């Protein structure tokens, strides 16, 4: 299901990020139509439907338009250096729900194939909310990040004793210029999804320390 919404990646920029999204629209059909609508000016490389069907939209060699205004570890053109995958889910606005088993199985296979083709560090497999915490919530607190990490996709931290402050989020890659509560909430959505407070605490500090043990990559 090709999308016309893509352009050339800048010369010299290598693919070193994998960004996961939810579609955040009432139906899969609506999301697919938007991703392939020239006037919408948005796209992704792939979409994974709830039944496990994978739709290819943009060749990986091209820059898809999925991350928008974003930041990670000093880089602002996240689209230039990433593969973007949309996962069908209505999202927080239209009835957020757990991701389907066939969907996660297909996503796992897809991510493994992407990671075989591109040297993407585990610490740079991220959610849209990680790279755009002031604007985005996806793929959200119901997304099974721990399960993907067990399959070798991304990181899941072991908690360490630490007195790190929230400002240390920038050492991992989060934008230091966004409101701190937004960055903390994005961190919690990914790495402590059972309790979203937007407030930094000892558990968050310990989890961040565990992530930094791997290096920001």
N, C-alpha and C. Protein backbone atom coordinates (compact mmCIF):
# COMPACT_ATOMS: atom_id res chain seq x y z
N UNK A 1 0.84 -1.18 0.00
CA UNK A 1 0.00 0.00 0.00
C UNK A 1 0.89 1.25 0.00
N UNK A 2 1.45 1.60 -1.16
CA UNK A 2 2.45 2.67 -1.20
C UNK A 2 1.86 4.04 -0.88
N UNK A 3 2.68 4.85 -0.23
CA UNK A 3 2.32 6.24 0.07
C UNK A 3 3.18 7.16 -0.78
N UNK A 4 2.60 8.28 -1.26
CA UNK A 4 3.40 9.23 -2.01
C UNK A 4 4.20 10.17 -1.12
N UNK A 5 4.03 10.04 0.19
CA UNK A 5 4.58 11.02 1.12
C UNK A 5 5.95 10.60 1.64
N UNK A 6 6.98 10.93 0.89
CA UNK A 6 8.35 10.62 1.28
C UNK A 6 9.29 11.46 0.43
N UNK A 7 10.54 11.52 0.86
CA UNK A 7 11.57 12.20 0.08
C UNK A 7 12.91 11.56 0.36
N UNK A 8 13.96 12.12 -0.22
CA UNK A 8 15.29 11.52 -0.07
C UNK A 8 15.84 11.76 1.32
N UNK A 9 16.53 10.78 1.85
CA UNK A 9 17.27 10.99 3.10
C UNK A 9 18.49 11.87 2.79
N UNK A 10 18.88 12.71 3.73
CA UNK A 10 20.06 13.56 3.49
C UNK A 10 21.32 12.72 3.30
N UNK A 11 22.21 13.20 2.46
CA UNK A 11 23.47 12.50 2.25
C UNK A 11 24.24 12.39 3.56
N UNK A 12 24.79 11.23 3.79
CA UNK A 12 25.65 11.03 4.94
C UNK A 12 24.95 10.71 6.24
N UNK A 13 23.63 10.69 6.25
CA UNK A 13 22.88 10.36 7.46
C UNK A 13 22.49 8.89 7.41
N UNK A 14 22.94 8.11 8.39
CA UNK A 14 22.62 6.69 8.38
C UNK A 14 21.38 6.42 9.23
N UNK A 15 20.72 5.34 8.93
CA UNK A 15 19.54 4.93 9.70
C UNK A 15 20.02 4.32 11.01
N UNK A 16 19.69 4.99 12.13
CA UNK A 16 20.13 4.49 13.43
C UNK A 16 19.05 4.58 14.50
N UNK A 17 17.79 4.71 14.06
CA UNK A 17 16.67 4.77 14.99
C UNK A 17 15.48 4.01 14.43
N UNK A 18 14.71 3.41 15.32
CA UNK A 18 13.43 2.77 14.98
C UNK A 18 12.38 3.40 15.88
N UNK A 19 11.39 4.03 15.28
CA UNK A 19 10.36 4.76 16.02
C UNK A 19 9.02 4.06 15.85
N UNK A 20 8.40 3.69 16.98
CA UNK A 20 7.11 3.01 16.97
C UNK A 20 6.01 3.97 17.37
N UNK A 21 4.89 3.89 16.66
CA UNK A 21 3.74 4.77 16.85
C UNK A 21 2.48 3.92 17.01
N UNK A 22 1.41 4.52 17.53
CA UNK A 22 0.08 3.98 17.24
C UNK A 22 -0.60 4.92 16.26
N UNK A 23 -1.59 4.37 15.53
CA UNK A 23 -2.23 5.18 14.50
C UNK A 23 -3.12 6.27 15.09
N UNK A 24 -3.76 6.00 16.22
CA UNK A 24 -4.55 7.03 16.89
C UNK A 24 -5.74 7.51 16.09
N UNK A 25 -6.35 6.63 15.33
CA UNK A 25 -7.55 6.96 14.55
C UNK A 25 -8.61 5.90 14.81
N UNK A 26 -9.89 6.23 14.58
CA UNK A 26 -10.96 5.30 14.95
C UNK A 26 -10.87 3.92 14.31
N UNK A 27 -10.38 3.85 13.08
CA UNK A 27 -10.32 2.57 12.38
C UNK A 27 -8.99 2.43 11.65
N UNK A 28 -8.64 1.19 11.34
CA UNK A 28 -7.45 0.94 10.53
C UNK A 28 -7.61 1.54 9.14
N UNK A 29 -8.82 1.43 8.60
CA UNK A 29 -9.05 1.94 7.24
C UNK A 29 -8.80 3.44 7.17
N UNK A 30 -9.26 4.16 8.19
CA UNK A 30 -9.04 5.61 8.22
C UNK A 30 -7.56 5.94 8.32
N UNK A 31 -6.85 5.18 9.14
CA UNK A 31 -5.42 5.43 9.32
C UNK A 31 -4.65 5.15 8.03
N UNK A 32 -4.96 4.04 7.38
CA UNK A 32 -4.26 3.69 6.15
C UNK A 32 -4.55 4.71 5.05
N UNK A 33 -5.79 5.17 4.99
CA UNK A 33 -6.13 6.17 4.00
C UNK A 33 -5.34 7.46 4.22
N UNK A 34 -5.21 7.86 5.48
CA UNK A 34 -4.47 9.10 5.78
C UNK A 34 -2.99 8.95 5.45
N UNK A 35 -2.41 7.82 5.78
CA UNK A 35 -1.00 7.61 5.52
C UNK A 35 -0.68 7.61 4.03
N UNK A 36 -1.68 7.32 3.21
CA UNK A 36 -1.48 7.25 1.76
C UNK A 36 -2.10 8.44 1.02
N UNK A 37 -2.56 9.45 1.77
CA UNK A 37 -3.19 10.64 1.20
C UNK A 37 -2.13 11.70 0.97
N UNK A 38 -1.92 12.07 -0.27
CA UNK A 38 -0.90 13.06 -0.61
C UNK A 38 -1.11 14.37 0.15
N UNK A 39 -2.35 14.77 0.33
CA UNK A 39 -2.64 16.04 0.99
C UNK A 39 -2.34 16.00 2.49
N UNK A 40 -2.34 14.81 3.07
CA UNK A 40 -2.10 14.71 4.51
C UNK A 40 -0.65 14.96 4.87
N UNK A 41 0.25 14.67 3.93
CA UNK A 41 1.69 14.90 4.13
C UNK A 41 2.24 14.15 5.35
N UNK A 42 1.71 12.97 5.61
CA UNK A 42 2.26 12.10 6.65
C UNK A 42 2.39 10.69 6.07
N UNK A 43 3.27 9.92 6.66
CA UNK A 43 3.47 8.54 6.20
C UNK A 43 4.29 7.80 7.24
N UNK A 44 4.51 6.54 6.98
CA UNK A 44 5.42 5.70 7.76
C UNK A 44 5.98 4.67 6.80
N UNK A 45 6.97 3.96 7.23
CA UNK A 45 7.48 2.90 6.37
C UNK A 45 6.55 1.69 6.35
N UNK A 46 5.95 1.42 7.53
CA UNK A 46 5.06 0.25 7.65
C UNK A 46 3.90 0.57 8.59
N UNK A 47 2.81 -0.17 8.41
CA UNK A 47 1.72 -0.21 9.39
C UNK A 47 1.43 -1.67 9.72
N UNK A 48 1.22 -1.95 11.00
CA UNK A 48 0.89 -3.30 11.44
C UNK A 48 -0.55 -3.30 11.94
N UNK A 49 -1.42 -4.04 11.27
CA UNK A 49 -2.84 -4.09 11.64
C UNK A 49 -3.04 -5.05 12.82
N UNK A 50 -4.23 -5.00 13.40
CA UNK A 50 -4.50 -5.81 14.58
C UNK A 50 -4.52 -7.30 14.29
N UNK A 51 -4.79 -7.68 13.06
CA UNK A 51 -4.78 -9.11 12.71
C UNK A 51 -3.40 -9.60 12.29
N UNK A 52 -2.40 -8.72 12.37
CA UNK A 52 -1.04 -9.09 12.01
C UNK A 52 -0.63 -8.74 10.59
N UNK A 53 -1.56 -8.23 9.79
CA UNK A 53 -1.22 -7.81 8.43
C UNK A 53 -0.24 -6.63 8.49
N UNK A 54 0.80 -6.71 7.68
CA UNK A 54 1.79 -5.64 7.60
C UNK A 54 1.66 -4.96 6.24
N UNK A 55 1.48 -3.65 6.27
CA UNK A 55 1.40 -2.85 5.05
C UNK A 55 2.69 -2.07 4.89
N UNK A 56 3.28 -2.14 3.70
CA UNK A 56 4.49 -1.38 3.39
C UNK A 56 4.08 -0.11 2.64
N UNK A 57 4.56 1.04 3.13
CA UNK A 57 4.18 2.32 2.54
C UNK A 57 5.33 3.03 1.84
N UNK A 58 6.49 3.05 2.47
CA UNK A 58 7.63 3.82 1.96
C UNK A 58 8.86 2.94 1.98
N UNK A 59 9.65 2.90 0.91
CA UNK A 59 10.89 2.12 0.94
C UNK A 59 11.81 2.60 2.07
N UNK A 60 12.50 1.68 2.70
CA UNK A 60 13.34 2.06 3.84
C UNK A 60 14.45 3.03 3.45
N UNK A 61 14.87 3.02 2.20
CA UNK A 61 15.92 3.94 1.77
C UNK A 61 15.44 5.38 1.72
N UNK A 62 14.13 5.59 1.74
CA UNK A 62 13.56 6.93 1.65
C UNK A 62 13.15 7.44 3.03
N UNK A 63 13.02 8.74 3.17
CA UNK A 63 12.60 9.37 4.42
C UNK A 63 11.07 9.45 4.45
N UNK A 64 10.47 8.69 5.36
CA UNK A 64 9.02 8.80 5.59
C UNK A 64 8.76 9.95 6.56
N UNK A 65 7.53 10.43 6.57
CA UNK A 65 7.18 11.62 7.35
C UNK A 65 6.31 11.22 8.53
N UNK A 66 6.93 10.71 9.56
CA UNK A 66 6.18 10.13 10.68
C UNK A 66 6.44 10.78 12.02
N UNK A 67 7.62 11.34 12.25
CA UNK A 67 7.97 11.82 13.59
C UNK A 67 7.61 13.28 13.81
N UNK A 68 7.54 14.09 12.76
CA UNK A 68 7.23 15.50 12.92
C UNK A 68 8.31 16.23 13.70
N UNK A 69 7.92 17.31 14.38
CA UNK A 69 8.86 18.05 15.22
C UNK A 69 9.30 17.14 16.36
N UNK A 70 10.59 16.82 16.41
CA UNK A 70 11.05 15.80 17.34
C UNK A 70 12.52 16.03 17.66
N UNK A 71 13.00 15.27 18.66
CA UNK A 71 14.38 15.45 19.13
C UNK A 71 14.83 14.17 19.82
N UNK A 72 16.08 13.80 19.59
CA UNK A 72 16.69 12.75 20.40
C UNK A 72 18.20 12.90 20.35
N UNK A 73 18.78 13.02 21.53
CA UNK A 73 20.24 13.04 21.68
C UNK A 73 20.92 14.04 20.74
N UNK A 74 20.32 15.22 20.66
CA UNK A 74 20.91 16.29 19.86
C UNK A 74 20.41 16.38 18.44
N UNK A 75 19.74 15.35 17.95
CA UNK A 75 19.24 15.34 16.57
C UNK A 75 17.80 15.81 16.52
N UNK A 76 17.47 16.63 15.53
CA UNK A 76 16.11 17.13 15.39
C UNK A 76 15.38 16.58 14.17
N UNK A 77 16.08 16.19 13.14
CA UNK A 77 15.42 15.59 11.98
C UNK A 77 15.39 14.07 12.20
N UNK A 78 14.49 13.64 13.05
CA UNK A 78 14.41 12.21 13.37
C UNK A 78 13.97 11.41 12.16
N UNK A 79 13.13 11.99 11.30
CA UNK A 79 12.71 11.28 10.10
C UNK A 79 13.91 10.89 9.23
N UNK A 80 14.92 11.74 9.21
CA UNK A 80 16.06 11.51 8.32
C UNK A 80 16.82 10.26 8.69
N UNK A 81 16.78 9.86 9.98
CA UNK A 81 17.65 8.79 10.47
C UNK A 81 16.88 7.60 11.02
N UNK A 82 15.59 7.54 10.74
CA UNK A 82 14.78 6.50 11.39
C UNK A 82 13.92 5.73 10.41
N UNK A 83 13.50 4.54 10.88
CA UNK A 83 12.41 3.78 10.28
C UNK A 83 11.20 4.00 11.16
N UNK A 84 10.06 4.32 10.57
CA UNK A 84 8.83 4.57 11.32
C UNK A 84 7.81 3.46 11.09
N UNK A 85 7.28 2.93 12.20
CA UNK A 85 6.28 1.86 12.12
C UNK A 85 5.03 2.30 12.88
N UNK A 86 3.90 2.30 12.19
CA UNK A 86 2.61 2.59 12.80
C UNK A 86 1.95 1.26 13.22
N UNK A 87 1.33 1.28 14.39
CA UNK A 87 0.65 0.09 14.91
C UNK A 87 -0.82 0.46 15.11
N UNK A 88 -1.71 -0.25 14.47
CA UNK A 88 -3.12 0.12 14.52
C UNK A 88 -3.66 0.03 15.95
N UNK A 89 -4.15 1.15 16.44
CA UNK A 89 -4.78 1.24 17.76
C UNK A 89 -5.49 2.59 17.79
N UNK A 90 -6.73 2.66 18.29
CA UNK A 90 -7.44 3.94 18.31
C UNK A 90 -6.74 5.01 19.13
N UNK A 91 -5.92 4.61 20.07
CA UNK A 91 -5.19 5.59 20.85
C UNK A 91 -6.03 6.23 21.94
N UNK A 92 -5.41 7.12 22.69
CA UNK A 92 -6.06 7.72 23.85
C UNK A 92 -7.31 8.52 23.49
N UNK A 93 -7.36 9.05 22.29
CA UNK A 93 -8.50 9.89 21.91
C UNK A 93 -9.73 9.08 21.52
N UNK A 94 -9.53 7.87 20.97
CA UNK A 94 -10.66 7.14 20.39
C UNK A 94 -10.89 5.76 21.02
N UNK A 95 -10.37 5.54 22.23
CA UNK A 95 -10.63 4.26 22.89
C UNK A 95 -9.41 3.37 22.97
N UNK A 96 -8.38 3.87 23.59
CA UNK A 96 -7.11 3.14 23.74
C UNK A 96 -7.35 1.76 24.33
N UNK A 97 -6.71 0.76 23.75
CA UNK A 97 -6.91 -0.61 24.21
C UNK A 97 -5.62 -1.40 24.07
N UNK A 98 -5.52 -2.54 24.75
CA UNK A 98 -4.32 -3.36 24.62
C UNK A 98 -4.09 -3.78 23.16
N UNK A 99 -2.85 -3.95 22.83
CA UNK A 99 -2.48 -4.35 21.48
C UNK A 99 -2.74 -5.85 21.30
N UNK A 100 -3.20 -6.22 20.12
CA UNK A 100 -3.61 -7.60 19.86
C UNK A 100 -2.40 -8.52 19.74
N UNK A 101 -2.58 -9.77 20.15
CA UNK A 101 -1.50 -10.75 20.10
C UNK A 101 -0.95 -10.95 18.68
N UNK A 102 -1.81 -11.16 17.66
CA UNK A 102 -1.26 -11.33 16.31
C UNK A 102 -0.48 -10.10 15.85
N UNK A 103 -0.91 -8.95 16.30
CA UNK A 103 -0.26 -7.69 15.94
C UNK A 103 1.16 -7.62 16.53
N UNK A 104 1.28 -7.96 17.80
CA UNK A 104 2.59 -7.90 18.44
C UNK A 104 3.52 -8.96 17.87
N UNK A 105 2.99 -10.12 17.55
CA UNK A 105 3.81 -11.16 16.93
C UNK A 105 4.35 -10.69 15.58
N UNK A 106 3.48 -10.08 14.77
CA UNK A 106 3.91 -9.59 13.46
C UNK A 106 4.89 -8.44 13.61
N UNK A 107 4.62 -7.55 14.57
CA UNK A 107 5.52 -6.43 14.81
C UNK A 107 6.91 -6.93 15.23
N UNK A 108 6.96 -7.94 16.06
CA UNK A 108 8.23 -8.49 16.50
C UNK A 108 9.03 -9.02 15.31
N UNK A 109 8.37 -9.75 14.43
CA UNK A 109 9.04 -10.26 13.24
C UNK A 109 9.52 -9.11 12.36
N UNK A 110 8.68 -8.10 12.17
CA UNK A 110 9.05 -6.96 11.34
C UNK A 110 10.26 -6.23 11.94
N UNK A 111 10.22 -5.97 13.24
CA UNK A 111 11.33 -5.26 13.88
C UNK A 111 12.63 -6.05 13.77
N UNK A 112 12.56 -7.36 13.95
CA UNK A 112 13.76 -8.18 13.79
C UNK A 112 14.34 -8.02 12.39
N UNK A 113 13.49 -7.99 11.40
CA UNK A 113 13.99 -7.86 10.02
C UNK A 113 14.61 -6.49 9.79
N UNK A 114 14.00 -5.45 10.36
CA UNK A 114 14.56 -4.09 10.23
C UNK A 114 15.92 -4.02 10.91
N UNK A 115 16.02 -4.58 12.11
CA UNK A 115 17.26 -4.52 12.87
C UNK A 115 18.37 -5.35 12.21
N UNK A 116 18.01 -6.34 11.43
CA UNK A 116 19.01 -7.09 10.67
C UNK A 116 19.57 -6.26 9.52
N UNK A 117 18.75 -5.36 8.98
CA UNK A 117 19.17 -4.55 7.83
C UNK A 117 19.90 -3.27 8.24
N UNK A 118 19.67 -2.80 9.46
CA UNK A 118 20.22 -1.51 9.86
C UNK A 118 20.86 -1.61 11.24
N UNK A 119 22.01 -0.98 11.46
CA UNK A 119 22.71 -1.05 12.75
C UNK A 119 22.10 -0.10 13.78
N UNK A 120 20.91 -0.44 14.23
CA UNK A 120 20.17 0.42 15.17
C UNK A 120 20.46 -0.06 16.60
N UNK A 121 21.08 0.77 17.45
CA UNK A 121 21.33 0.36 18.83
C UNK A 121 20.02 0.14 19.59
N UNK A 122 20.05 -0.76 20.55
CA UNK A 122 18.84 -1.06 21.33
C UNK A 122 18.28 0.18 22.00
N UNK A 123 19.17 1.08 22.44
CA UNK A 123 18.72 2.29 23.14
C UNK A 123 18.05 3.28 22.21
N UNK A 124 18.07 3.02 20.91
CA UNK A 124 17.44 3.94 19.95
C UNK A 124 16.22 3.31 19.29
N UNK A 125 15.66 2.29 19.91
CA UNK A 125 14.33 1.78 19.56
C UNK A 125 13.37 2.48 20.53
N UNK A 126 12.57 3.40 20.01
CA UNK A 126 11.85 4.36 20.85
C UNK A 126 10.42 4.52 20.39
N UNK A 127 9.63 5.14 21.26
CA UNK A 127 8.27 5.51 20.90
C UNK A 127 8.20 6.95 20.42
N UNK A 128 7.11 7.25 19.73
CA UNK A 128 6.90 8.62 19.26
C UNK A 128 6.91 9.60 20.44
N UNK A 129 6.36 9.17 21.57
CA UNK A 129 6.32 10.05 22.74
C UNK A 129 7.71 10.30 23.31
N UNK A 130 8.66 9.40 23.08
CA UNK A 130 10.02 9.64 23.56
C UNK A 130 10.68 10.78 22.79
N UNK A 131 10.45 10.84 21.49
CA UNK A 131 11.12 11.86 20.67
C UNK A 131 10.28 13.12 20.51
N UNK A 132 9.03 13.09 20.94
CA UNK A 132 8.16 14.27 20.87
C UNK A 132 7.29 14.34 22.12
N UNK A 133 7.89 14.40 23.33
CA UNK A 133 7.11 14.29 24.57
C UNK A 133 6.15 15.43 24.82
N UNK A 134 6.39 16.57 24.23
CA UNK A 134 5.48 17.70 24.42
C UNK A 134 4.21 17.57 23.59
N UNK A 135 4.22 16.67 22.59
CA UNK A 135 3.09 16.59 21.65
C UNK A 135 2.39 15.23 21.64
N UNK A 136 3.13 14.16 21.92
CA UNK A 136 2.64 12.82 21.61
C UNK A 136 2.61 11.90 22.82
N UNK A 137 1.70 10.91 22.77
CA UNK A 137 1.56 9.91 23.83
C UNK A 137 1.80 8.49 23.34
N UNK A 138 1.99 8.32 22.06
CA UNK A 138 2.04 6.97 21.48
C UNK A 138 3.44 6.37 21.47
N UNK A 139 3.51 5.05 21.49
CA UNK A 139 2.41 4.08 21.48
C UNK A 139 1.75 3.86 22.83
N UNK A 140 2.20 4.56 23.87
CA UNK A 140 1.44 4.59 25.11
C UNK A 140 1.80 3.53 26.12
N UNK A 141 1.15 3.65 27.28
CA UNK A 141 1.49 2.82 28.44
C UNK A 141 1.00 1.37 28.32
N UNK A 142 0.13 1.07 27.35
CA UNK A 142 -0.29 -0.31 27.14
C UNK A 142 0.61 -1.07 26.17
N UNK A 143 1.56 -0.39 25.58
CA UNK A 143 2.43 -1.05 24.62
C UNK A 143 3.42 -1.95 25.36
N UNK A 144 3.64 -3.18 24.90
CA UNK A 144 4.46 -4.14 25.65
C UNK A 144 5.96 -4.00 25.39
N UNK A 145 6.52 -2.89 25.83
CA UNK A 145 7.95 -2.66 25.62
C UNK A 145 8.80 -3.76 26.25
N UNK A 146 8.44 -4.21 27.45
CA UNK A 146 9.24 -5.24 28.12
C UNK A 146 9.27 -6.52 27.30
N UNK A 147 8.15 -6.88 26.72
CA UNK A 147 8.08 -8.09 25.91
C UNK A 147 8.97 -7.97 24.68
N UNK A 148 8.96 -6.81 24.04
CA UNK A 148 9.82 -6.63 22.87
C UNK A 148 11.29 -6.69 23.27
N UNK A 149 11.61 -6.09 24.42
CA UNK A 149 13.01 -6.13 24.87
C UNK A 149 13.47 -7.57 25.11
N UNK A 150 12.58 -8.39 25.66
CA UNK A 150 12.92 -9.81 25.86
C UNK A 150 13.21 -10.50 24.52
N UNK A 151 12.58 -9.99 23.46
CA UNK A 151 12.80 -10.56 22.13
C UNK A 151 13.98 -9.90 21.42
N UNK A 152 14.71 -9.02 22.12
CA UNK A 152 15.88 -8.39 21.53
C UNK A 152 15.60 -7.10 20.79
N UNK A 153 14.45 -6.49 21.10
CA UNK A 153 14.06 -5.25 20.42
C UNK A 153 13.95 -4.15 21.47
N UNK A 154 14.91 -3.25 21.50
CA UNK A 154 14.89 -2.18 22.49
C UNK A 154 15.45 -2.62 23.83
N UNK A 155 15.30 -1.73 24.82
CA UNK A 155 15.83 -1.96 26.16
C UNK A 155 14.72 -2.00 27.20
N UNK A 156 14.95 -2.78 28.23
CA UNK A 156 14.10 -2.75 29.42
C UNK A 156 15.04 -2.72 30.62
N UNK A 157 14.98 -1.67 31.44
CA UNK A 157 16.03 -1.47 32.44
C UNK A 157 15.88 -2.32 33.69
N UNK A 158 17.02 -2.71 34.24
CA UNK A 158 17.08 -3.24 35.60
C UNK A 158 17.32 -2.04 36.51
N UNK A 159 16.54 -1.94 37.58
CA UNK A 159 16.64 -0.79 38.46
C UNK A 159 17.94 -0.82 39.26
N UNK A 160 18.57 0.34 39.37
CA UNK A 160 19.79 0.50 40.16
C UNK A 160 19.51 1.47 41.31
N UNK A 161 20.33 1.44 42.34
CA UNK A 161 20.29 2.48 43.35
C UNK A 161 20.87 3.75 42.75
N UNK A 162 20.13 4.85 42.85
CA UNK A 162 20.58 6.07 42.20
C UNK A 162 19.89 7.29 42.79
N UNK A 163 20.60 8.41 42.74
CA UNK A 163 20.00 9.69 43.11
C UNK A 163 19.96 10.63 41.92
N UNK A 164 19.94 10.06 40.71
CA UNK A 164 19.85 10.90 39.51
C UNK A 164 18.61 11.78 39.56
N UNK A 165 18.74 13.00 39.07
CA UNK A 165 17.59 13.90 38.96
C UNK A 165 16.99 13.78 37.57
N UNK A 166 15.83 14.38 37.38
CA UNK A 166 15.16 14.32 36.08
C UNK A 166 15.98 14.97 34.98
N UNK A 167 16.86 15.88 35.34
CA UNK A 167 17.70 16.53 34.33
C UNK A 167 18.58 15.50 33.61
N UNK A 168 18.84 14.35 34.25
CA UNK A 168 19.66 13.32 33.64
C UNK A 168 18.96 12.62 32.48
N UNK A 169 17.66 12.87 32.29
CA UNK A 169 16.97 12.31 31.12
C UNK A 169 17.65 12.74 29.83
N UNK A 170 18.24 13.94 29.84
CA UNK A 170 18.93 14.41 28.64
C UNK A 170 20.15 13.56 28.31
N UNK A 171 20.73 12.92 29.31
CA UNK A 171 21.89 12.05 29.06
C UNK A 171 21.48 10.81 28.27
N UNK A 172 20.23 10.39 28.45
CA UNK A 172 19.74 9.24 27.68
C UNK A 172 19.31 9.66 26.28
N UNK A 173 18.83 10.90 26.14
CA UNK A 173 18.44 11.38 24.82
C UNK A 173 17.26 12.32 24.79
N UNK A 174 16.48 12.39 25.88
CA UNK A 174 15.27 13.23 25.89
C UNK A 174 15.62 14.71 25.72
N UNK A 175 14.70 15.43 25.13
CA UNK A 175 14.89 16.85 24.85
C UNK A 175 14.93 17.64 26.16
N UNK A 176 16.03 18.31 26.48
CA UNK A 176 16.11 19.07 27.74
C UNK A 176 15.29 20.34 27.73
N UNK A 177 14.76 20.72 26.57
CA UNK A 177 14.04 21.98 26.46
C UNK A 177 12.53 21.84 26.59
N UNK A 178 12.00 20.62 26.67
CA UNK A 178 10.56 20.45 26.85
C UNK A 178 10.24 20.57 28.33
N UNK A 179 9.00 20.91 28.69
CA UNK A 179 8.63 20.94 30.11
C UNK A 179 8.98 19.62 30.78
N UNK A 180 9.59 19.73 31.95
CA UNK A 180 10.11 18.53 32.61
C UNK A 180 9.04 17.48 32.86
N UNK A 181 7.84 17.91 33.26
CA UNK A 181 6.78 16.95 33.54
C UNK A 181 6.42 16.15 32.29
N UNK A 182 6.51 16.76 31.11
CA UNK A 182 6.22 16.03 29.87
C UNK A 182 7.29 14.98 29.59
N UNK A 183 8.54 15.35 29.79
CA UNK A 183 9.62 14.40 29.57
C UNK A 183 9.54 13.25 30.56
N UNK A 184 9.24 13.56 31.82
CA UNK A 184 9.12 12.51 32.83
C UNK A 184 7.96 11.58 32.49
N UNK A 185 6.83 12.13 32.07
CA UNK A 185 5.69 11.29 31.71
C UNK A 185 6.02 10.40 30.53
N UNK A 186 6.72 10.93 29.53
CA UNK A 186 7.12 10.11 28.39
C UNK A 186 8.03 8.96 28.83
N UNK A 187 8.96 9.27 29.71
CA UNK A 187 9.84 8.23 30.26
C UNK A 187 9.02 7.17 30.99
N UNK A 188 8.07 7.60 31.78
CA UNK A 188 7.23 6.64 32.52
C UNK A 188 6.37 5.81 31.58
N UNK A 189 5.82 6.40 30.53
CA UNK A 189 5.01 5.63 29.58
C UNK A 189 5.82 4.47 29.01
N UNK A 190 7.09 4.71 28.75
CA UNK A 190 7.93 3.68 28.14
C UNK A 190 8.48 2.71 29.17
N UNK A 191 9.02 3.24 30.27
CA UNK A 191 9.81 2.41 31.17
C UNK A 191 9.17 2.14 32.54
N UNK A 192 8.08 2.86 32.88
CA UNK A 192 7.32 2.54 34.10
C UNK A 192 5.83 2.76 33.83
N UNK A 193 5.26 1.97 32.97
CA UNK A 193 3.91 2.24 32.48
C UNK A 193 2.80 2.02 33.50
N UNK A 194 3.07 1.37 34.60
CA UNK A 194 2.00 1.11 35.57
C UNK A 194 1.67 2.31 36.44
N UNK A 195 2.54 3.34 36.43
CA UNK A 195 2.27 4.48 37.28
C UNK A 195 2.76 5.74 36.59
N UNK A 196 1.84 6.46 35.98
CA UNK A 196 2.16 7.70 35.28
C UNK A 196 1.79 8.88 36.18
N UNK A 197 2.79 9.55 36.69
CA UNK A 197 2.54 10.68 37.58
C UNK A 197 3.07 11.99 37.02
N UNK A 198 4.03 11.91 36.11
CA UNK A 198 4.71 13.11 35.64
C UNK A 198 5.67 13.69 36.65
N UNK A 199 5.85 12.96 37.77
CA UNK A 199 6.74 13.43 38.83
C UNK A 199 7.91 12.47 38.99
N UNK A 200 9.09 13.04 39.14
CA UNK A 200 10.29 12.24 39.29
C UNK A 200 10.36 11.65 40.69
N UNK A 201 10.79 10.40 40.79
CA UNK A 201 10.89 9.76 42.09
C UNK A 201 12.06 8.78 42.08
N UNK A 202 12.28 8.10 43.19
CA UNK A 202 13.43 7.21 43.31
C UNK A 202 13.37 6.05 42.31
N UNK A 203 12.16 5.57 42.05
CA UNK A 203 12.06 4.47 41.09
C UNK A 203 12.48 4.92 39.70
N UNK A 204 12.05 6.10 39.29
CA UNK A 204 12.45 6.63 37.99
C UNK A 204 13.96 6.80 37.92
N UNK A 205 14.54 7.32 38.99
CA UNK A 205 15.99 7.51 39.02
C UNK A 205 16.72 6.19 38.86
N UNK A 206 16.23 5.16 39.54
CA UNK A 206 16.86 3.85 39.44
C UNK A 206 16.73 3.23 38.07
N UNK A 207 15.57 3.41 37.43
CA UNK A 207 15.37 2.87 36.10
C UNK A 207 16.24 3.60 35.08
N UNK A 208 16.34 4.92 35.21
CA UNK A 208 17.20 5.67 34.30
C UNK A 208 18.65 5.26 34.47
N UNK A 209 19.07 5.06 35.71
CA UNK A 209 20.44 4.60 35.94
C UNK A 209 20.68 3.26 35.26
N UNK A 210 19.69 2.37 35.32
CA UNK A 210 19.81 1.09 34.64
C UNK A 210 19.97 1.25 33.14
N UNK A 211 19.21 2.17 32.55
CA UNK A 211 19.33 2.43 31.12
C UNK A 211 20.69 3.01 30.77
N UNK A 212 21.17 3.94 31.58
CA UNK A 212 22.45 4.57 31.29
C UNK A 212 23.59 3.58 31.41
N UNK A 213 23.40 2.49 32.15
CA UNK A 213 24.42 1.44 32.22
C UNK A 213 24.70 0.87 30.83
N UNK A 214 23.67 0.90 29.97
CA UNK A 214 23.83 0.38 28.60
C UNK A 214 24.47 1.41 27.69
N UNK A 215 24.49 2.68 28.13
CA UNK A 215 24.95 3.75 27.27
C UNK A 215 23.79 4.29 26.46
N UNK A 216 23.80 5.58 26.20
CA UNK A 216 22.71 6.22 25.46
C UNK A 216 22.69 5.79 24.02
N UNK A 217 23.82 5.29 23.51
CA UNK A 217 23.84 4.69 22.17
C UNK A 217 23.34 5.59 21.10
